[in-house]
């Protein structure tokens, strides 16, 4: 009987957070091990469906770099990285779109639908809702910098009780343009700002932002992040993650979270427990 009472207490502990986030919008960037490991995929889907059923408005933005690499290798198409970004010519862009809007996107929507949600997959080309221009003046080819997000498309889907699952591909300047490859972290940030999201959550393969002793920093501000970047504590692949967080915060999103997607039910643990499990970045 005591075990049953403890289960009830867990639900009651989550109740204040459920009330707080009900009818609010949360953008989740889905990537890393959580997107590859079959068991973690199922746990992720369960988390999202629970959020959906208790009335939280969820938008998912996903990457798919490893899947893209695998197809490029099969087709013997070379690609390179500069400043951590995949240089994207028209051949690479064709594969990027095929993989992200096809295999990866439909796998996610299928998983969510079979677990009881109503998910629909889209790219920025659908309804022309994400527009972009060449990043850094075309230094990375067809890698794009988002110039506009038409939030009414996402709001319309959410109001019809859909979970939008967004592949980060933006439309180009003309019907014949192949489109732009968008960094998924930055796409999540831009989308979170455009829909005035309560939170944006980035799933990663690390505990969160770590100090020099590799201990988790559970709370950070913009000023603290700048200091950590300047002294080299935040480096490498974590830099674009925190930059995306800061962009979201500067745009009016209340909180940004970097959490470990390798932990089962990481989203629920971050949202519905007092301690959380990752790094929260606040305005």
C-alpha atoms as a PDB file:
ATOM      1  CA  UNK A   1       0.000   0.000   0.000  1.00  0.00           C
ATOM      2  CA  UNK A   2       2.867   2.389   0.817  1.00  0.00           C
ATOM      3  CA  UNK A   3       4.228   2.017  -2.710  1.00  0.00           C
ATOM      4  CA  UNK A   4       0.820   2.972  -4.123  1.00  0.00           C
ATOM      5  CA  UNK A   5       0.673   6.039  -1.879  1.00  0.00           C
ATOM      6  CA  UNK A   6       4.142   7.064  -3.079  1.00  0.00           C
ATOM      7  CA  UNK A   7       2.956   6.806  -6.693  1.00  0.00           C
ATOM      8  CA  UNK A   8       0.034   9.073  -5.863  1.00  0.00           C
ATOM      9  CA  UNK A   9       2.410  11.545  -4.209  1.00  0.00           C
ATOM     10  CA  UNK A  10       4.554  11.686  -7.348  1.00  0.00           C
ATOM     11  CA  UNK A  11       1.478  12.702  -9.342  1.00  0.00           C
ATOM     12  CA  UNK A  12       0.542  15.323  -6.745  1.00  0.00           C
ATOM     13  CA  UNK A  13       4.081  16.733  -6.787  1.00  0.00           C
ATOM     14  CA  UNK A  14       3.734  17.232 -10.539  1.00  0.00           C
ATOM     15  CA  UNK A  15       0.324  18.915 -10.256  1.00  0.00           C
ATOM     16  CA  UNK A  16       1.577  22.517  -9.743  1.00  0.00           C
ATOM     17  CA  UNK A  17       3.731  22.229 -12.852  1.00  0.00           C
ATOM     18  CA  UNK A  18       0.886  20.736 -14.894  1.00  0.00           C
ATOM     19  CA  UNK A  19      -1.289  23.696 -13.905  1.00  0.00           C
ATOM     20  CA  UNK A  20       1.514  26.127 -14.714  1.00  0.00           C
ATOM     21  CA  UNK A  21       2.240  24.777 -18.192  1.00  0.00           C
ATOM     22  CA  UNK A  22      -1.271  23.810 -19.324  1.00  0.00           C
ATOM     23  CA  UNK A  23      -2.217  25.690 -22.511  1.00  0.00           C
ATOM     24  CA  UNK A  24       1.341  27.034 -22.796  1.00  0.00           C
ATOM     25  CA  UNK A  25       3.597  26.371 -25.777  1.00  0.00           C
ATOM     26  CA  UNK A  26       6.845  24.429 -25.404  1.00  0.00           C
ATOM     27  CA  UNK A  27       9.287  23.939 -28.285  1.00  0.00           C
ATOM     28  CA  UNK A  28      11.475  20.829 -28.088  1.00  0.00           C
ATOM     29  CA  UNK A  29      14.585  20.305 -30.191  1.00  0.00           C
ATOM     30  CA  UNK A  30      14.877  16.537 -30.634  1.00  0.00           C
ATOM     31  CA  UNK A  31      18.280  15.100 -31.453  1.00  0.00           C
ATOM     32  CA  UNK A  32      21.263  13.104 -30.248  1.00  0.00           C
ATOM     33  CA  UNK A  33      20.966   9.603 -28.773  1.00  0.00           C
ATOM     34  CA  UNK A  34      17.271  10.112 -28.027  1.00  0.00           C
ATOM     35  CA  UNK A  35      16.679  10.210 -31.773  1.00  0.00           C
ATOM     36  CA  UNK A  36      18.726   7.082 -32.526  1.00  0.00           C
ATOM     37  CA  UNK A  37      18.323   4.611 -29.644  1.00  0.00           C
ATOM     38  CA  UNK A  38      15.084   2.643 -30.131  1.00  0.00           C
ATOM     39  CA  UNK A  39      14.297   2.468 -26.410  1.00  0.00           C
ATOM     40  CA  UNK A  40      14.879   6.192 -25.939  1.00  0.00           C
ATOM     41  CA  UNK A  41      12.685   6.903 -28.961  1.00  0.00           C
ATOM     42  CA  UNK A  42       9.789   5.149 -27.236  1.00  0.00           C
ATOM     43  CA  UNK A  43      10.372   7.017 -23.963  1.00  0.00           C
ATOM     44  CA  UNK A  44      10.511  10.316 -25.846  1.00  0.00           C
ATOM     45  CA  UNK A  45       7.224   9.557 -27.582  1.00  0.00           C
ATOM     46  CA  UNK A  46       5.592   8.691 -24.257  1.00  0.00           C
ATOM     47  CA  UNK A  47       6.786  11.973 -22.742  1.00  0.00           C
ATOM     48  CA  UNK A  48       5.430  14.010 -25.659  1.00  0.00           C
ATOM     49  CA  UNK A  49       2.088  12.234 -25.669  1.00  0.00           C
ATOM     50  CA  UNK A  50       1.704  12.853 -21.932  1.00  0.00           C
ATOM     51  CA  UNK A  51       2.399  16.577 -22.429  1.00  0.00           C
ATOM     52  CA  UNK A  52      -0.103  16.607 -25.296  1.00  0.00           C
ATOM     53  CA  UNK A  53      -2.847  14.855 -23.307  1.00  0.00           C
ATOM     54  CA  UNK A  54      -2.572  17.207 -20.308  1.00  0.00           C
ATOM     55  CA  UNK A  55      -3.003  20.237 -22.536  1.00  0.00           C
ATOM     56  CA  UNK A  56       0.526  21.472 -23.220  1.00  0.00           C
ATOM     57  CA  UNK A  57       1.020  22.844 -26.741  1.00  0.00           C
ATOM     58  CA  UNK A  58       4.092  21.050 -28.103  1.00  0.00           C
ATOM     59  CA  UNK A  59       6.171  21.825 -31.192  1.00  0.00           C
ATOM     60  CA  UNK A  60       9.038  19.484 -32.104  1.00  0.00           C
ATOM     61  CA  UNK A  61      12.012  20.529 -34.225  1.00  0.00           C
ATOM     62  CA  UNK A  62      14.398  17.748 -35.204  1.00  0.00           C
ATOM     63  CA  UNK A  63      17.777  17.252 -36.773  1.00  0.00           C
ATOM     64  CA  UNK A  64      19.135  14.133 -38.441  1.00  0.00           C
ATOM     65  CA  UNK A  65      22.839  14.571 -39.107  1.00  0.00           C
ATOM     66  CA  UNK A  66      23.820  10.930 -38.669  1.00  0.00           C
ATOM     67  CA  UNK A  67      21.086   9.734 -41.013  1.00  0.00           C
ATOM     68  CA  UNK A  68      22.196  12.303 -43.590  1.00  0.00           C
ATOM     69  CA  UNK A  69      25.803  11.125 -43.268  1.00  0.00           C
ATOM     70  CA  UNK A  70      24.754   7.522 -43.836  1.00  0.00           C
ATOM     71  CA  UNK A  71      22.892   8.304 -47.074  1.00  0.00           C
ATOM     72  CA  UNK A  72      25.637  10.581 -48.379  1.00  0.00           C
ATOM     73  CA  UNK A  73      28.127   7.760 -47.823  1.00  0.00           C
ATOM     74  CA  UNK A  74      25.913   5.280 -49.669  1.00  0.00           C
ATOM     75  CA  UNK A  75      25.632   7.659 -52.616  1.00  0.00           C
ATOM     76  CA  UNK A  76      29.348   8.515 -52.519  1.00  0.00           C
ATOM     77  CA  UNK A  77      28.577  12.213 -52.151  1.00  0.00           C
ATOM     78  CA  UNK A  78      31.262  14.105 -50.275  1.00  0.00           C
ATOM     79  CA  UNK A  79      30.383  16.738 -47.711  1.00  0.00           C
ATOM     80  CA  UNK A  80      32.537  18.814 -45.418  1.00  0.00           C
ATOM     81  CA  UNK A  81      32.083  20.871 -42.282  1.00  0.00           C
ATOM     82  CA  UNK A  82      33.241  24.436 -41.671  1.00  0.00           C
ATOM     83  CA  UNK A  83      32.722  26.082 -38.278  1.00  0.00           C
ATOM     84  CA  UNK A  84      30.619  23.083 -37.270  1.00  0.00           C
ATOM     85  CA  UNK A  85      28.176  23.556 -40.168  1.00  0.00           C
ATOM     86  CA  UNK A  86      27.714  21.173 -43.088  1.00  0.00           C
ATOM     87  CA  UNK A  87      28.697  22.925 -46.315  1.00  0.00           C
ATOM     88  CA  UNK A  88      25.652  22.287 -48.488  1.00  0.00           C
ATOM     89  CA  UNK A  89      25.686  22.323 -52.282  1.00  0.00           C
ATOM     90  CA  UNK A  90      22.681  21.325 -54.404  1.00  0.00           C
ATOM     91  CA  UNK A  91      23.518  17.589 -54.365  1.00  0.00           C
ATOM     92  CA  UNK A  92      23.908  17.568 -50.586  1.00  0.00           C
ATOM     93  CA  UNK A  93      20.757  19.682 -50.201  1.00  0.00           C
ATOM     94  CA  UNK A  94      18.770  17.108 -52.162  1.00  0.00           C
ATOM     95  CA  UNK A  95      19.855  14.401 -49.714  1.00  0.00           C
ATOM     96  CA  UNK A  96      19.282  16.648 -46.677  1.00  0.00           C
ATOM     97  CA  UNK A  97      15.706  17.324 -47.738  1.00  0.00           C
ATOM     98  CA  UNK A  98      15.043  13.693 -48.650  1.00  0.00           C
ATOM     99  CA  UNK A  99      16.283  12.435 -45.284  1.00  0.00           C
ATOM    100  CA  UNK A 100      14.896  15.134 -42.979  1.00  0.00           C
ATOM    101  CA  UNK A 101      11.481  15.624 -44.540  1.00  0.00           C
ATOM    102  CA  UNK A 102      11.176  11.947 -45.468  1.00  0.00           C
ATOM    103  CA  UNK A 103      12.678   9.176 -43.341  1.00  0.00           C
ATOM    104  CA  UNK A 104      13.390  11.082 -40.127  1.00  0.00           C
ATOM    105  CA  UNK A 105      10.298  13.275 -40.004  1.00  0.00           C
ATOM    106  CA  UNK A 106       7.878  10.482 -40.805  1.00  0.00           C
ATOM    107  CA  UNK A 107       9.478   8.147 -38.278  1.00  0.00           C
ATOM    108  CA  UNK A 108       8.844  10.717 -35.535  1.00  0.00           C
ATOM    109  CA  UNK A 109       5.255  11.442 -36.564  1.00  0.00           C
ATOM    110  CA  UNK A 110       4.478   7.738 -36.875  1.00  0.00           C
ATOM    111  CA  UNK A 111       5.894   7.054 -33.417  1.00  0.00           C
ATOM    112  CA  UNK A 112       3.832   9.840 -31.840  1.00  0.00           C
ATOM    113  CA  UNK A 113       0.660   8.862 -33.663  1.00  0.00           C
ATOM    114  CA  UNK A 114       0.946   5.228 -32.605  1.00  0.00           C
ATOM    115  CA  UNK A 115       1.386   6.329 -28.991  1.00  0.00           C
ATOM    116  CA  UNK A 116      -1.860   8.296 -28.993  1.00  0.00           C
ATOM    117  CA  UNK A 117      -1.050  11.798 -30.220  1.00  0.00           C
ATOM    118  CA  UNK A 118      -2.062  13.521 -33.447  1.00  0.00           C
ATOM    119  CA  UNK A 119       1.223  14.567 -35.046  1.00  0.00           C
ATOM    120  CA  UNK A 120       1.865  16.025 -38.467  1.00  0.00           C
ATOM    121  CA  UNK A 121       5.231  16.487 -40.176  1.00  0.00           C
ATOM    122  CA  UNK A 122       6.129  19.659 -42.055  1.00  0.00           C
ATOM    123  CA  UNK A 123       9.138  21.569 -43.358  1.00  0.00           C
ATOM    124  CA  UNK A 124       9.610  25.313 -43.730  1.00  0.00           C
ATOM    125  CA  UNK A 125       8.661  24.920 -47.378  1.00  0.00           C
ATOM    126  CA  UNK A 126       5.120  23.905 -46.405  1.00  0.00           C
ATOM    127  CA  UNK A 127       2.923  27.003 -46.612  1.00  0.00           C
ATOM    128  CA  UNK A 128       6.244  28.830 -47.085  1.00  0.00           C
ATOM    129  CA  UNK A 129       6.275  29.278 -43.323  1.00  0.00           C
ATOM    130  CA  UNK A 130      10.078  29.501 -42.825  1.00  0.00           C
ATOM    131  CA  UNK A 131      12.042  31.843 -45.084  1.00  0.00           C
ATOM    132  CA  UNK A 132      15.809  32.205 -45.086  1.00  0.00           C
ATOM    133  CA  UNK A 133      18.813  33.754 -46.782  1.00  0.00           C
ATOM    134  CA  UNK A 134      22.356  32.401 -47.221  1.00  0.00           C
ATOM    135  CA  UNK A 135      24.205  32.281 -43.903  1.00  0.00           C
ATOM    136  CA  UNK A 136      27.415  34.350 -43.742  1.00  0.00           C
ATOM    137  CA  UNK A 137      26.944  35.553 -47.286  1.00  0.00           C
ATOM    138  CA  UNK A 138      26.932  32.042 -48.746  1.00  0.00           C
ATOM    139  CA  UNK A 139      30.104  30.820 -47.016  1.00  0.00           C
ATOM    140  CA  UNK A 140      28.431  27.457 -46.309  1.00  0.00           C
ATOM    141  CA  UNK A 141      26.547  27.112 -49.590  1.00  0.00           C
ATOM    142  CA  UNK A 142      22.851  26.424 -49.041  1.00  0.00           C
ATOM    143  CA  UNK A 143      23.049  26.664 -45.260  1.00  0.00           C
ATOM    144  CA  UNK A 144      20.488  29.292 -44.386  1.00  0.00           C
ATOM    145  CA  UNK A 145      19.842  31.971 -41.810  1.00  0.00           C
ATOM    146  CA  UNK A 146      16.157  32.305 -40.964  1.00  0.00           C
ATOM    147  CA  UNK A 147      14.644  35.677 -41.844  1.00  0.00           C
ATOM    148  CA  UNK A 148      10.971  34.978 -41.163  1.00  0.00           C
ATOM    149  CA  UNK A 149       8.727  32.423 -39.440  1.00  0.00           C
ATOM    150  CA  UNK A 150       4.991  32.535 -40.140  1.00  0.00           C
ATOM    151  CA  UNK A 151       3.746  31.439 -36.733  1.00  0.00           C
ATOM    152  CA  UNK A 152       0.127  31.354 -37.927  1.00  0.00           C
ATOM    153  CA  UNK A 153       0.836  28.049 -39.699  1.00  0.00           C
ATOM    154  CA  UNK A 154       1.998  26.424 -36.449  1.00  0.00           C
ATOM    155  CA  UNK A 155      -0.785  28.053 -34.430  1.00  0.00           C
ATOM    156  CA  UNK A 156      -3.352  26.741 -36.886  1.00  0.00           C
ATOM    157  CA  UNK A 157      -2.057  23.183 -36.565  1.00  0.00           C
ATOM    158  CA  UNK A 158      -1.929  23.374 -32.766  1.00  0.00           C
ATOM    159  CA  UNK A 159      -5.457  24.783 -32.615  1.00  0.00           C
ATOM    160  CA  UNK A 160      -6.569  21.750 -34.623  1.00  0.00           C
ATOM    161  CA  UNK A 161      -4.953  19.568 -31.922  1.00  0.00           C
ATOM    162  CA  UNK A 162      -1.921  18.553 -33.969  1.00  0.00           C
ATOM    163  CA  UNK A 163       1.675  18.331 -32.748  1.00  0.00           C
ATOM    164  CA  UNK A 164       3.781  19.986 -35.486  1.00  0.00           C
ATOM    165  CA  UNK A 165       6.990  18.055 -36.171  1.00  0.00           C
ATOM    166  CA  UNK A 166       9.277  20.425 -38.058  1.00  0.00           C
ATOM    167  CA  UNK A 167      12.154  19.437 -40.333  1.00  0.00           C
ATOM    168  CA  UNK A 168      14.512  22.449 -40.434  1.00  0.00           C
ATOM    169  CA  UNK A 169      14.423  23.242 -44.146  1.00  0.00           C
ATOM    170  CA  UNK A 170      13.524  26.748 -45.296  1.00  0.00           C
ATOM    171  CA  UNK A 171      12.068  27.915 -48.571  1.00  0.00           C
ATOM    172  CA  UNK A 172      14.225  29.802 -51.053  1.00  0.00           C
ATOM    173  CA  UNK A 173      13.671  32.989 -53.016  1.00  0.00           C
ATOM    174  CA  UNK A 174      12.018  31.356 -56.035  1.00  0.00           C
ATOM    175  CA  UNK A 175      10.057  28.191 -56.930  1.00  0.00           C
ATOM    176  CA  UNK A 176      13.191  26.709 -58.523  1.00  0.00           C
ATOM    177  CA  UNK A 177      15.409  27.365 -55.496  1.00  0.00           C
ATOM    178  CA  UNK A 178      16.372  24.085 -53.746  1.00  0.00           C
ATOM    179  CA  UNK A 179      15.767  25.578 -50.291  1.00  0.00           C
ATOM    180  CA  UNK A 180      18.026  26.101 -47.300  1.00  0.00           C
ATOM    181  CA  UNK A 181      19.502  23.713 -44.770  1.00  0.00           C
ATOM    182  CA  UNK A 182      18.923  25.240 -41.313  1.00  0.00           C
ATOM    183  CA  UNK A 183      20.729  24.350 -38.090  1.00  0.00           C
ATOM    184  CA  UNK A 184      18.075  22.595 -35.987  1.00  0.00           C
ATOM    185  CA  UNK A 185      19.063  24.335 -32.729  1.00  0.00           C
ATOM    186  CA  UNK A 186      18.702  27.772 -34.308  1.00  0.00           C
ATOM    187  CA  UNK A 187      15.462  26.746 -36.017  1.00  0.00           C
ATOM    188  CA  UNK A 188      14.037  25.700 -32.640  1.00  0.00           C
ATOM    189  CA  UNK A 189      15.078  29.025 -31.138  1.00  0.00           C
ATOM    190  CA  UNK A 190      13.531  31.095 -33.949  1.00  0.00           C
ATOM    191  CA  UNK A 191      10.320  29.098 -33.822  1.00  0.00           C
ATOM    192  CA  UNK A 192      10.110  29.437 -30.026  1.00  0.00           C
ATOM    193  CA  UNK A 193      10.402  33.214 -30.316  1.00  0.00           C
ATOM    194  CA  UNK A 194       7.852  33.430 -33.130  1.00  0.00           C
ATOM    195  CA  UNK A 195       5.151  31.496 -31.226  1.00  0.00           C
ATOM    196  CA  UNK A 196       5.982  33.220 -27.904  1.00  0.00           C
ATOM    197  CA  UNK A 197       6.781  29.874 -26.288  1.00  0.00           C
ATOM    198  CA  UNK A 198       6.988  29.492 -22.523  1.00  0.00           C
ATOM    199  CA  UNK A 199      10.041  27.259 -22.855  1.00  0.00           C
ATOM    200  CA  UNK A 200      12.433  25.809 -25.387  1.00  0.00           C
ATOM    201  CA  UNK A 201      14.152  22.530 -24.536  1.00  0.00           C
ATOM    202  CA  UNK A 202      17.238  21.136 -26.277  1.00  0.00           C
ATOM    203  CA  UNK A 203      17.898  17.392 -25.965  1.00  0.00           C
ATOM    204  CA  UNK A 204      21.636  16.644 -26.069  1.00  0.00           C
ATOM    205  CA  UNK A 205      24.109  13.866 -25.272  1.00  0.00           C
ATOM    206  CA  UNK A 206      25.503  15.582 -22.187  1.00  0.00           C
ATOM    207  CA  UNK A 207      24.131  16.392 -18.741  1.00  0.00           C
ATOM    208  CA  UNK A 208      23.825  20.059 -19.667  1.00  0.00           C
ATOM    209  CA  UNK A 209      26.317  22.897 -19.394  1.00  0.00           C
ATOM    210  CA  UNK A 210      29.302  21.716 -17.337  1.00  0.00           C
ATOM    211  CA  UNK A 211      31.944  23.611 -15.370  1.00  0.00           C
ATOM    212  CA  UNK A 212      35.689  22.965 -15.670  1.00  0.00           C
ATOM    213  CA  UNK A 213      35.379  20.026 -13.249  1.00  0.00           C
ATOM    214  CA  UNK A 214      32.653  18.551 -15.498  1.00  0.00           C
ATOM    215  CA  UNK A 215      29.952  19.193 -12.909  1.00  0.00           C
ATOM    216  CA  UNK A 216      26.499  20.288 -13.992  1.00  0.00           C
ATOM    217  CA  UNK A 217      25.663  23.985 -13.852  1.00  0.00           C
ATOM    218  CA  UNK A 218      21.952  23.810 -13.149  1.00  0.00           C
ATOM    219  CA  UNK A 219      21.149  27.528 -13.579  1.00  0.00           C
ATOM    220  CA  UNK A 220      22.766  30.174 -15.754  1.00  0.00           C
ATOM    221  CA  UNK A 221      22.174  33.755 -16.843  1.00  0.00           C
ATOM    222  CA  UNK A 222      23.317  35.516 -19.994  1.00  0.00           C
ATOM    223  CA  UNK A 223      26.208  37.252 -18.201  1.00  0.00           C
ATOM    224  CA  UNK A 224      27.399  33.986 -16.661  1.00  0.00           C
ATOM    225  CA  UNK A 225      27.323  32.280 -20.059  1.00  0.00           C
ATOM    226  CA  UNK A 226      29.430  35.027 -21.631  1.00  0.00           C
ATOM    227  CA  UNK A 227      32.044  34.617 -18.891  1.00  0.00           C
ATOM    228  CA  UNK A 228      32.091  30.823 -19.374  1.00  0.00           C
ATOM    229  CA  UNK A 229      32.520  31.228 -23.121  1.00  0.00           C
ATOM    230  CA  UNK A 230      35.324  33.737 -22.677  1.00  0.00           C
ATOM    231  CA  UNK A 231      37.308  31.497 -20.305  1.00  0.00           C
ATOM    232  CA  UNK A 232      36.815  28.405 -22.480  1.00  0.00           C
ATOM    233  CA  UNK A 233      34.527  26.512 -20.100  1.00  0.00           C
ATOM    234  CA  UNK A 234      31.813  26.518 -22.755  1.00  0.00           C
ATOM    235  CA  UNK A 235      33.398  25.418 -26.021  1.00  0.00           C
ATOM    236  CA  UNK A 236      32.931  23.269 -29.106  1.00  0.00           C
ATOM    237  CA  UNK A 237      29.472  21.974 -29.861  1.00  0.00           C
ATOM    238  CA  UNK A 238      27.998  23.511 -26.718  1.00  0.00           C
ATOM    239  CA  UNK A 239      28.539  27.035 -28.068  1.00  0.00           C
ATOM    240  CA  UNK A 240      25.772  26.900 -30.733  1.00  0.00           C
ATOM    241  CA  UNK A 241      23.446  25.324 -28.152  1.00  0.00           C
ATOM    242  CA  UNK A 242      23.872  28.130 -25.629  1.00  0.00           C
ATOM    243  CA  UNK A 243      23.761  30.709 -28.425  1.00  0.00           C
ATOM    244  CA  UNK A 244      20.408  29.287 -29.503  1.00  0.00           C
ATOM    245  CA  UNK A 245      19.242  29.470 -25.878  1.00  0.00           C
ATOM    246  CA  UNK A 246      20.334  33.094 -25.580  1.00  0.00           C
ATOM    247  CA  UNK A 247      18.639  33.997 -28.853  1.00  0.00           C
ATOM    248  CA  UNK A 248      15.404  32.506 -27.539  1.00  0.00           C
ATOM    249  CA  UNK A 249      15.700  34.308 -24.203  1.00  0.00           C
ATOM    250  CA  UNK A 250      16.495  37.623 -25.900  1.00  0.00           C
ATOM    251  CA  UNK A 251      13.410  37.086 -28.066  1.00  0.00           C
ATOM    252  CA  UNK A 252      11.091  36.770 -25.074  1.00  0.00           C
ATOM    253  CA  UNK A 253      11.047  33.039 -24.299  1.00  0.00           C
ATOM    254  CA  UNK A 254      10.896  32.697 -20.518  1.00  0.00           C
ATOM    255  CA  UNK A 255      13.285  29.765 -20.046  1.00  0.00           C
ATOM    256  CA  UNK A 256      15.629  27.686 -22.165  1.00  0.00           C
ATOM    257  CA  UNK A 257      16.770  24.216 -21.068  1.00  0.00           C
ATOM    258  CA  UNK A 258      19.651  21.994 -22.143  1.00  0.00           C
ATOM    259  CA  UNK A 259      19.056  18.453 -20.900  1.00  0.00           C
ATOM    260  CA  UNK A 260      20.456  14.963 -21.330  1.00  0.00           C
ATOM    261  CA  UNK A 261      18.304  13.072 -23.820  1.00  0.00           C
ATOM    262  CA  UNK A 262      20.082   9.827 -22.890  1.00  0.00           C
ATOM    263  CA  UNK A 263      18.131   9.778 -19.612  1.00  0.00           C
ATOM    264  CA  UNK A 264      14.760   8.051 -19.854  1.00  0.00           C
ATOM    265  CA  UNK A 265      11.826  10.474 -19.534  1.00  0.00           C
ATOM    266  CA  UNK A 266      14.257  13.393 -19.348  1.00  0.00           C
ATOM    267  CA  UNK A 267      11.612  15.877 -20.483  1.00  0.00           C
ATOM    268  CA  UNK A 268       9.210  14.938 -17.685  1.00  0.00           C
ATOM    269  CA  UNK A 269      11.998  15.023 -15.100  1.00  0.00           C
ATOM    270  CA  UNK A 270      13.012  18.507 -16.201  1.00  0.00           C
ATOM    271  CA  UNK A 271       9.501  19.943 -16.371  1.00  0.00           C
ATOM    272  CA  UNK A 272       7.709  18.286 -13.467  1.00  0.00           C
ATOM    273  CA  UNK A 273      10.268  17.996 -10.657  1.00  0.00           C
ATOM    274  CA  UNK A 274      11.645  20.666  -8.337  1.00  0.00           C
ATOM    275  CA  UNK A 275      15.293  19.876  -9.055  1.00  0.00           C
ATOM    276  CA  UNK A 276      15.157  19.212 -12.796  1.00  0.00           C
ATOM    277  CA  UNK A 277      18.004  17.337 -14.452  1.00  0.00           C
ATOM    278  CA  UNK A 278      19.766  19.777 -16.779  1.00  0.00           C
ATOM    279  CA  UNK A 279      20.735  23.420 -17.211  1.00  0.00           C
ATOM    280  CA  UNK A 280      18.091  26.141 -17.207  1.00  0.00           C
ATOM    281  CA  UNK A 281      18.914  29.515 -18.742  1.00  0.00           C
ATOM    282  CA  UNK A 282      16.716  32.414 -17.710  1.00  0.00           C
ATOM    283  CA  UNK A 283      16.149  35.959 -18.836  1.00  0.00           C
END
